[in-house]
Structure formats: structure tokens, C-alpha cells
C-alpha atoms as a PDB file:
ATOM      1  CA  MET A   1      92.329  44.812 176.101  1.00  0.00           C
ATOM      2  CA  SER A   2      93.147  47.993 174.432  1.00  0.00           C
ATOM      3  CA  ILE A   3      96.913  49.361 174.910  1.00  0.00           C
ATOM      4  CA  TYR A   4      95.462  52.536 176.214  1.00  0.00           C
ATOM      5  CA  ARG A   5      92.417  54.369 177.393  1.00  0.00           C
ATOM      6  CA  ILE A   6      91.427  57.701 178.325  1.00  0.00           C
ATOM      7  CA  VAL A   7      90.830  58.050 182.124  1.00  0.00           C
ATOM      8  CA  ASP A   8      90.102  61.665 182.378  1.00  0.00           C
ATOM      9  CA  THR A   9      90.494  65.117 180.765  1.00  0.00           C
ATOM     10  CA  GLY A  10      91.479  68.568 182.166  1.00  0.00           C
ATOM     11  CA  PRO A  11      92.332  72.063 180.729  1.00  0.00           C
ATOM     12  CA  ASP A  12      94.433  71.336 178.073  1.00  0.00           C
ATOM     13  CA  PHE A  13      95.446  67.761 179.120  1.00  0.00           C
ATOM     14  CA  LEU A  14      94.594  64.100 178.950  1.00  0.00           C
ATOM     15  CA  VAL A  15      94.962  61.414 181.701  1.00  0.00           C
ATOM     16  CA  VAL A  16      95.620  58.177 179.788  1.00  0.00           C
ATOM     17  CA  TYR A  17      96.197  54.852 181.138  1.00  0.00           C
ATOM     18  CA  LYS A  18      98.906  52.858 179.528  1.00  0.00           C
ATOM     19  CA  SER A  19      99.090  49.109 179.246  1.00  0.00           C
ATOM     20  CA  PRO A  20     102.324  47.003 180.101  1.00  0.00           C
ATOM     21  CA  GLY A  21     104.478  46.623 177.088  1.00  0.00           C
ATOM     22  CA  THR A  22     103.441  49.727 175.563  1.00  0.00           C
ATOM     23  CA  ASN A  23     106.092  52.307 174.199  1.00  0.00           C
ATOM     24  CA  MET A  24     105.520  55.867 174.841  1.00  0.00           C
ATOM     25  CA  HIS A  25     107.099  56.685 171.239  1.00  0.00           C
ATOM     26  CA  PHE A  26     107.715  55.135 168.096  1.00  0.00           C
ATOM     27  CA  GLN A  27     109.714  51.848 168.087  1.00  0.00           C
ATOM     28  CA  GLY A  28     110.856  51.477 164.651  1.00  0.00           C
ATOM     29  CA  GLN A  29     107.838  51.302 162.442  1.00  0.00           C
ATOM     30  CA  THR A  30     105.629  50.940 165.491  1.00  0.00           C
ATOM     31  CA  PRO A  31     103.598  53.767 166.869  1.00  0.00           C
ATOM     32  CA  GLY A  32     103.764  54.512 170.324  1.00  0.00           C
ATOM     33  CA  LEU A  33     101.385  55.744 172.908  1.00  0.00           C
ATOM     34  CA  CYS A  34     101.346  59.317 171.884  1.00  0.00           C
ATOM     35  CA  ALA A  35     101.019  58.708 168.037  1.00  0.00           C
ATOM     36  CA  LEU A  36      97.965  56.168 168.757  1.00  0.00           C
ATOM     37  CA  VAL A  37      96.239  58.577 170.769  1.00  0.00           C
ATOM     38  CA  ARG A  38      96.711  61.646 168.854  1.00  0.00           C
ATOM     39  CA  GLU A  39      95.487  59.443 165.666  1.00  0.00           C
ATOM     40  CA  ASP A  40      92.473  57.914 167.343  1.00  0.00           C
ATOM     41  CA  LEU A  41      91.226  61.419 168.504  1.00  0.00           C
ATOM     42  CA  ARG A  42      92.243  63.097 165.445  1.00  0.00           C
ATOM     43  CA  MET A  43      94.273  65.619 167.202  1.00  0.00           C
ATOM     44  CA  PRO A  44      96.753  67.885 165.496  1.00  0.00           C
ATOM     45  CA  ALA A  45      99.522  67.437 168.182  1.00  0.00           C
ATOM     46  CA  LEU A  46     100.083  65.963 171.623  1.00  0.00           C
ATOM     47  CA  TRP A  47     102.743  66.415 174.084  1.00  0.00           C
ATOM     48  CA  PRO A  48     103.927  64.072 176.874  1.00  0.00           C
ATOM     49  CA  VAL A  49     105.077  65.855 179.926  1.00  0.00           C
ATOM     50  CA  HIS A  50     106.649  62.636 181.524  1.00  0.00           C
ATOM     51  CA  ARG A  51     107.072  59.089 180.712  1.00  0.00           C
ATOM     52  CA  LEU A  52     106.743  55.471 181.765  1.00  0.00           C
ATOM     53  CA  ASP A  53     109.139  52.675 181.055  1.00  0.00           C
ATOM     54  CA  GLN A  54     107.681  50.322 178.303  1.00  0.00           C
ATOM     55  CA  ASP A  55     106.772  47.616 180.855  1.00  0.00           C
ATOM     56  CA  THR A  56     105.324  49.504 183.586  1.00  0.00           C
ATOM     57  CA  SER A  57     101.635  50.461 183.237  1.00  0.00           C
ATOM     58  CA  GLY A  58      99.501  53.347 184.598  1.00  0.00           C
ATOM     59  CA  LEU A  59      98.693  56.866 184.393  1.00  0.00           C
ATOM     60  CA  VAL A  60     100.645  59.292 181.984  1.00  0.00           C
ATOM     61  CA  LEU A  61      99.660  62.940 181.177  1.00  0.00           C
ATOM     62  CA  LEU A  62      99.307  64.002 177.592  1.00  0.00           C
ATOM     63  CA  ALA A  63      99.224  67.992 177.058  1.00  0.00           C
ATOM     64  CA  THR A  64      97.029  69.210 174.003  1.00  0.00           C
ATOM     65  CA  THR A  65      98.760  72.483 173.654  1.00  0.00           C
ATOM     66  CA  LYS A  66     102.428  73.811 173.765  1.00  0.00           C
ATOM     67  CA  ASN A  67     101.536  75.915 176.732  1.00  0.00           C
ATOM     68  CA  ALA A  68     100.332  73.274 178.880  1.00  0.00           C
ATOM     69  CA  ALA A  69     103.145  71.059 177.772  1.00  0.00           C
ATOM     70  CA  ARG A  70     105.667  73.700 179.196  1.00  0.00           C
ATOM     71  CA  ASP A  71     103.692  74.221 182.223  1.00  0.00           C
ATOM     72  CA  LEU A  72     102.973  70.805 182.836  1.00  0.00           C
ATOM     73  CA  GLY A  73     106.598  69.862 182.437  1.00  0.00           C
ATOM     74  CA  LEU A  74     107.893  72.480 184.795  1.00  0.00           C
ATOM     75  CA  LEU A  75     105.794  70.914 187.637  1.00  0.00           C
ATOM     76  CA  PHE A  76     107.493  67.505 186.943  1.00  0.00           C
ATOM     77  CA  GLN A  77     110.641  69.257 186.526  1.00  0.00           C
ATOM     78  CA  ASN A  78     110.420  70.859 189.915  1.00  0.00           C
ATOM     79  CA  GLN A  79     109.130  68.074 191.615  1.00  0.00           C
ATOM     80  CA  GLN A  80     105.434  69.443 192.214  1.00  0.00           C
ATOM     81  CA  VAL A  81     103.631  66.444 191.001  1.00  0.00           C
ATOM     82  CA  ASN A  82     103.157  63.883 193.729  1.00  0.00           C
ATOM     83  CA  LYS A  83     103.331  60.225 192.147  1.00  0.00           C
ATOM     84  CA  PHE A  84     102.597  57.054 193.762  1.00  0.00           C
ATOM     85  CA  TYR A  85     103.084  53.549 192.456  1.00  0.00           C
ATOM     86  CA  LEU A  86     102.167  49.984 193.158  1.00  0.00           C
ATOM     87  CA  ALA A  87     104.700  47.014 193.090  1.00  0.00           C
ATOM     88  CA  LEU A  88     104.541  43.526 193.753  1.00  0.00           C
ATOM     89  CA  THR A  89     107.816  41.499 195.130  1.00  0.00           C
ATOM     90  CA  ASP A  90     108.048  37.910 196.048  1.00  0.00           C
ATOM     91  CA  LYS A  91     110.762  38.704 198.546  1.00  0.00           C
ATOM     92  CA  THR A  92     110.776  40.242 201.984  1.00  0.00           C
ATOM     93  CA  PRO A  93     112.276  43.850 202.039  1.00  0.00           C
ATOM     94  CA  LYS A  94     114.871  44.999 204.400  1.00  0.00           C
ATOM     95  CA  LYS A  95     112.732  47.799 205.136  1.00  0.00           C
ATOM     96  CA  LYS A  96     109.004  47.875 205.144  1.00  0.00           C
ATOM     97  CA  HIS A  97     108.285  51.628 205.973  1.00  0.00           C
ATOM     98  CA  GLY A  98     110.825  54.384 205.426  1.00  0.00           C
ATOM     99  CA  LEU A  99     112.907  56.323 203.188  1.00  0.00           C
ATOM    100  CA  ILE A 100     115.278  54.666 200.360  1.00  0.00           C
ATOM    101  CA  GLN A 101     117.978  57.121 199.142  1.00  0.00           C
ATOM    102  CA  GLY A 102     121.339  57.289 197.583  1.00  0.00           C
ATOM    103  CA  ASP A 103     123.587  58.472 194.376  1.00  0.00           C
ATOM    104  CA  MET A 104     122.796  56.090 191.595  1.00  0.00           C
ATOM    105  CA  GLN A 105     125.660  54.577 189.758  1.00  0.00           C
ATOM    106  CA  ARG A 106     125.672  52.825 186.316  1.00  0.00           C
ATOM    107  CA  SER A 107     126.269  49.109 186.888  1.00  0.00           C
ATOM    108  CA  ARG A 108     126.802  46.495 184.263  1.00  0.00           C
ATOM    109  CA  ARG A 109     124.185  45.135 181.750  1.00  0.00           C
ATOM    110  CA  LYS A 110     122.665  48.625 181.453  1.00  0.00           C
ATOM    111  CA  THR A 111     121.451  48.584 185.051  1.00  0.00           C
ATOM    112  CA  TRP A 112     121.794  50.685 188.154  1.00  0.00           C
ATOM    113  CA  LYS A 113     122.856  50.485 191.617  1.00  0.00           C
ATOM    114  CA  LEU A 114     121.966  52.404 194.579  1.00  0.00           C
ATOM    115  CA  CYS A 115     125.045  54.053 196.289  1.00  0.00           C
ATOM    116  CA  ARG A 116     125.584  55.285 200.054  1.00  0.00           C
ATOM    117  CA  SER A 117     126.718  58.648 198.800  1.00  0.00           C
ATOM    118  CA  LEU A 118     124.125  61.240 198.659  1.00  0.00           C
ATOM    119  CA  HIS A 119     125.685  63.911 196.280  1.00  0.00           C
ATOM    120  CA  SER A 120     122.329  64.069 194.132  1.00  0.00           C
ATOM    121  CA  PRO A 121     120.345  61.075 195.566  1.00  0.00           C
ATOM    122  CA  ALA A 122     117.372  59.209 194.151  1.00  0.00           C
ATOM    123  CA  ARG A 123     114.847  59.214 196.999  1.00  0.00           C
ATOM    124  CA  THR A 124     111.866  57.168 197.553  1.00  0.00           C
ATOM    125  CA  GLN A 125     109.598  56.513 200.260  1.00  0.00           C
ATOM    126  CA  ILE A 126     107.876  53.185 200.597  1.00  0.00           C
ATOM    127  CA  ILE A 127     105.121  51.083 202.626  1.00  0.00           C
ATOM    128  CA  ALA A 128     104.985  47.273 202.243  1.00  0.00           C
ATOM    129  CA  ARG A 129     102.245  45.106 203.326  1.00  0.00           C
ATOM    130  CA  SER A 130     101.660  41.370 202.907  1.00  0.00           C
ATOM    131  CA  VAL A 131      98.555  40.387 200.791  1.00  0.00           C
ATOM    132  CA  ILE A 132      99.087  36.689 200.128  1.00  0.00           C
ATOM    133  CA  LEU A 133     101.454  33.937 201.059  1.00  0.00           C
ATOM    134  CA  GLY A 134     104.978  34.793 199.124  1.00  0.00           C
ATOM    135  CA  LEU A 135     103.863  38.074 197.681  1.00  0.00           C
ATOM    136  CA  ARG A 136     103.876  41.715 199.194  1.00  0.00           C
ATOM    137  CA  LEU A 137     102.395  44.674 197.938  1.00  0.00           C
ATOM    138  CA  VAL A 138     104.441  47.778 197.896  1.00  0.00           C
ATOM    139  CA  VAL A 139     103.318  51.385 197.729  1.00  0.00           C
ATOM    140  CA  LEU A 140     106.070  53.681 196.251  1.00  0.00           C
ATOM    141  CA  ARG A 141     106.317  57.327 196.352  1.00  0.00           C
ATOM    142  CA  PRO A 142     109.356  58.703 194.135  1.00  0.00           C
ATOM    143  CA  LEU A 143     110.482  62.171 195.490  1.00  0.00           C
ATOM    144  CA  THR A 144     112.998  62.409 192.684  1.00  0.00           C
ATOM    145  CA  GLY A 145     112.857  61.338 188.971  1.00  0.00           C
ATOM    146  CA  LYS A 146     115.844  59.101 188.222  1.00  0.00           C
ATOM    147  CA  THR A 147     116.256  56.401 185.506  1.00  0.00           C
ATOM    148  CA  HIS A 148     115.025  53.107 187.105  1.00  0.00           C
ATOM    149  CA  GLN A 149     114.705  54.875 190.403  1.00  0.00           C
ATOM    150  CA  LEU A 150     111.928  52.482 191.879  1.00  0.00           C
ATOM    151  CA  ARG A 151     113.270  49.192 190.334  1.00  0.00           C
ATOM    152  CA  VAL A 152     116.605  49.875 191.747  1.00  0.00           C
ATOM    153  CA  ALA A 153     115.129  50.885 195.186  1.00  0.00           C
ATOM    154  CA  MET A 154     113.431  47.699 195.518  1.00  0.00           C
ATOM    155  CA  LYS A 155     116.513  45.690 194.293  1.00  0.00           C
ATOM    156  CA  ALA A 156     118.468  47.893 197.083  1.00  0.00           C
ATOM    157  CA  LEU A 157     115.945  46.283 199.727  1.00  0.00           C
ATOM    158  CA  GLY A 158     116.549  42.996 198.540  1.00  0.00           C
ATOM    159  CA  ALA A 159     112.990  42.705 197.102  1.00  0.00           C
ATOM    160  CA  PRO A 160     113.422  43.362 193.341  1.00  0.00           C
ATOM    161  CA  ILE A 161     110.027  43.766 191.657  1.00  0.00           C
ATOM    162  CA  LEU A 162     108.227  40.872 190.305  1.00  0.00           C
ATOM    163  CA  GLY A 163     108.853  40.188 186.646  1.00  0.00           C
ATOM    164  CA  ASP A 164     111.675  42.627 186.635  1.00  0.00           C
ATOM    165  CA  ARG A 165     114.062  41.246 183.859  1.00  0.00           C
ATOM    166  CA  LEU A 166     116.924  43.477 184.816  1.00  0.00           C
ATOM    167  CA  TYR A 167     116.916  43.517 188.707  1.00  0.00           C
ATOM    168  CA  HIS A 168     115.211  40.267 189.482  1.00  0.00           C
ATOM    169  CA  GLU A 169     116.855  36.864 189.374  1.00  0.00           C
ATOM    170  CA  GLN A 170     115.302  34.185 186.980  1.00  0.00           C
ATOM    171  CA  VAL A 171     112.349  32.248 188.227  1.00  0.00           C
ATOM    172  CA  TYR A 172     110.262  29.868 186.641  1.00  0.00           C
ATOM    173  CA  PRO A 173     107.760  30.100 185.533  1.00  0.00           C
ATOM    174  CA  TRP A 174     108.477  33.979 184.781  1.00  0.00           C
ATOM    175  CA  PRO A 175     105.941  36.420 185.561  1.00  0.00           C
ATOM    176  CA  ASP A 176     103.621  37.448 182.662  1.00  0.00           C
ATOM    177  CA  ARG A 177     104.559  41.256 183.394  1.00  0.00           C
ATOM    178  CA  LEU A 178     106.609  43.638 185.412  1.00  0.00           C
ATOM    179  CA  TYR A 179     104.417  44.194 188.298  1.00  0.00           C
ATOM    180  CA  LEU A 180     104.845  47.941 188.656  1.00  0.00           C
ATOM    181  CA  HIS A 181     102.067  50.335 188.018  1.00  0.00           C
ATOM    182  CA  ALA A 182     101.643  54.452 188.289  1.00  0.00           C
ATOM    183  CA  HIS A 183      98.486  54.567 190.420  1.00  0.00           C
ATOM    184  CA  THR A 184      98.114  58.128 191.354  1.00  0.00           C
ATOM    185  CA  LEU A 185      98.976  61.769 190.285  1.00  0.00           C
ATOM    186  CA  CYS A 186      98.348  64.643 192.106  1.00  0.00           C
ATOM    187  CA  PHE A 187      99.296  68.097 191.443  1.00  0.00           C
ATOM    188  CA  THR A 188      98.187  71.914 191.314  1.00  0.00           C
ATOM    189  CA  PHE A 189      97.370  73.308 187.490  1.00  0.00           C
ATOM    190  CA  ARG A 190      95.761  76.532 186.579  1.00  0.00           C
ATOM    191  CA  GLY A 191      94.701  77.254 190.276  1.00  0.00           C
ATOM    192  CA  GLN A 192      93.226  73.924 190.701  1.00  0.00           C
ATOM    193  CA  GLN A 193      94.179  70.931 192.556  1.00  0.00           C
ATOM    194  CA  TRP A 194      93.941  67.639 190.586  1.00  0.00           C
ATOM    195  CA  THR A 195      94.249  64.196 191.634  1.00  0.00           C
ATOM    196  CA  PHE A 196      93.830  61.099 189.344  1.00  0.00           C
ATOM    197  CA  CYS A 197      93.666  57.576 190.461  1.00  0.00           C
ATOM    198  CA  CYS A 198      93.743  54.146 188.795  1.00  0.00           C
ATOM    199  CA  PRO A 199      94.226  50.823 189.984  1.00  0.00           C
ATOM    200  CA  PRO A 200      95.977  48.208 187.916  1.00  0.00           C
ATOM    201  CA  ASP A 201      93.813  45.454 186.302  1.00  0.00           C
ATOM    202  CA  GLU A 202      96.375  43.696 184.157  1.00  0.00           C
ATOM    203  CA  GLY A 203      98.257  40.805 184.928  1.00  0.00           C
ATOM    204  CA  GLN A 204      97.643  37.514 186.870  1.00  0.00           C
ATOM    205  CA  TYR A 205      98.832  38.650 190.087  1.00  0.00           C
ATOM    206  CA  PHE A 206      97.235  42.231 190.048  1.00  0.00           C
ATOM    207  CA  SER A 207      94.022  40.224 189.017  1.00  0.00           C
ATOM    208  CA  HIS A 208      94.097  37.983 192.006  1.00  0.00           C
ATOM    209  CA  GLU A 209      90.943  38.786 194.341  1.00  0.00           C
ATOM    210  CA  LYS A 210      93.097  39.096 197.451  1.00  0.00           C
ATOM    211  CA  ILE A 211      95.743  41.520 195.849  1.00  0.00           C
ATOM    212  CA  ARG A 212      92.704  43.659 194.253  1.00  0.00           C
ATOM    213  CA  GLN A 213      91.140  43.834 197.808  1.00  0.00           C
ATOM    214  CA  GLY A 214      94.325  44.720 199.435  1.00  0.00           C
ATOM    215  CA  VAL A 215      94.710  47.537 196.824  1.00  0.00           C
ATOM    216  CA  GLN A 216      91.334  48.632 197.831  1.00  0.00           C
ATOM    217  CA  ASP A 217      91.964  48.359 201.257  1.00  0.00           C
ATOM    218  CA  LEU A 218      94.736  50.871 201.020  1.00  0.00           C
ATOM    219  CA  GLY A 219      92.418  53.653 199.978  1.00  0.00           C
ATOM    220  CA  SER A 220      93.827  56.913 198.971  1.00  0.00           C
ATOM    221  CA  LEU A 221      97.540  56.417 198.665  1.00  0.00           C
ATOM    222  CA  VAL A 222      97.862  60.080 199.239  1.00  0.00           C
ATOM    223  CA  ASP A 223      96.545  59.864 202.543  1.00  0.00           C
ATOM    224  CA  LEU A 224      98.690  56.667 203.864  1.00  0.00           C
ATOM    225  CA  PRO A 225     100.990  57.453 206.919  1.00  0.00           C
ATOM    226  CA  TRP A 226     103.963  58.105 204.747  1.00  0.00           C
ATOM    227  CA  PRO A 227     107.313  58.255 206.693  1.00  0.00           C
ATOM    228  CA  ALA A 228     108.702  61.674 207.791  1.00  0.00           C
ATOM    229  CA  LEU A 229     111.448  63.001 205.687  1.00  0.00           C
ATOM    230  CA  GLY A 230     114.704  63.336 207.206  1.00  0.00           C
END
């Protein structure tokens, strides 16, 4: 499978699916997502207005003009983009429906940990459901945009994301990917409401028939019974 594909287009932006393991930018001499898309489409320039970690798959917005990059970037900066992710965990989370929040503090090995203080907290809503024996499907809605926010939230719940080399203890055999996927983006731009969705289709477990059915049964992630904000 290609490391990216164009999902849709809008006024001065592209919606791109990024495969797991793909960098957003150059890594050494290896071109990243933005460079590959720009070269393939023979465009003079592209601007990423947000980013996904290398091992996370899913939807990315790329602006095709500098003005659109500025305006879309402000939407993300001002938390006016609703983002919804899917994750798999092989543990039982302490909380299956609710809000996880706390300040994030640097820990060892380039990791982060969630603290009880709330000075500038990372805030994430979750809904978790069992899909097959030993695996739970978790829908994550980040309300802030901190580094490793979703991965740290899941670790704090005692249910790190399957395949997370930083926050999950070693298991054998090790999963074939990090099971975190950016599924839905929803925002208002140029006076129009935009919603883009893309279910995961890469990885041994995301390809499992019952998990695919579980994702389908969720329906619109935007319309799930999200917990009230306190």
C-alpha cells in the first residue's frame, strides 16, 4: 500500500491519509509526507497545518496556499478543530467513559507522565468498548494538543495503546504497528462546515473482521455520547 493517499480536497487544502511509519517531514535524506505529495502533484508548495506522529496513521490537512495555512493553523491553535482518534488496547482501562485530564510532565526515556495538577492540563475524552476477547476499541477526543497526549492518557488509565514502544511494556510477539489512528476531522472554514472521516485499514488487528465491524458499528464519532465537560 502507498504511504499516503488523497482522501478529499477543499478550498485551498488537501485531506491526506498518512500510513503508519511515515514521517511528516524529511528524515535525513528520506522525504516526508509533505515533500512526497508536493512532488507527486507537481505543486510549488504545501503547508502542513498540524502533524501526526510518525507511527500514527490517519487524516492530515495540507494547505495549498500560505493564507489557508495561516487560517487553518489558527483553527488548530484555537482548538476549533474537532479531532477523533481510534486506538486499540490489550488492557482494561480504569475508566471506560469520561474525561482524563492533568498536567503533563517530562519523565525518563523521552516519555511524559500525567500529573494530578491542572495548571495547563492535557484534556482528553474517551469512550471504550470491547470488540474481541483481549482487545478494546477506544475512541479518543483530544480537547488540547499536547505532545504524546493520547498515548499518555491511555497509559494513565492503565491501558497503554497496543504497539506503543514508549508506554507499553514489552510483549511477544510485538504488534506490527502502533494502533492509533486519526479517524475524523471536523471544522468550519471559509463559511462552510467540513467533516472528513477515514477508518483504519492497515495493521493485523485493524484488519480483523470483528474490529472492522466494531468501527463500523460506532457510526459517526462526532455523534457518540461524549461525556459532559466539567
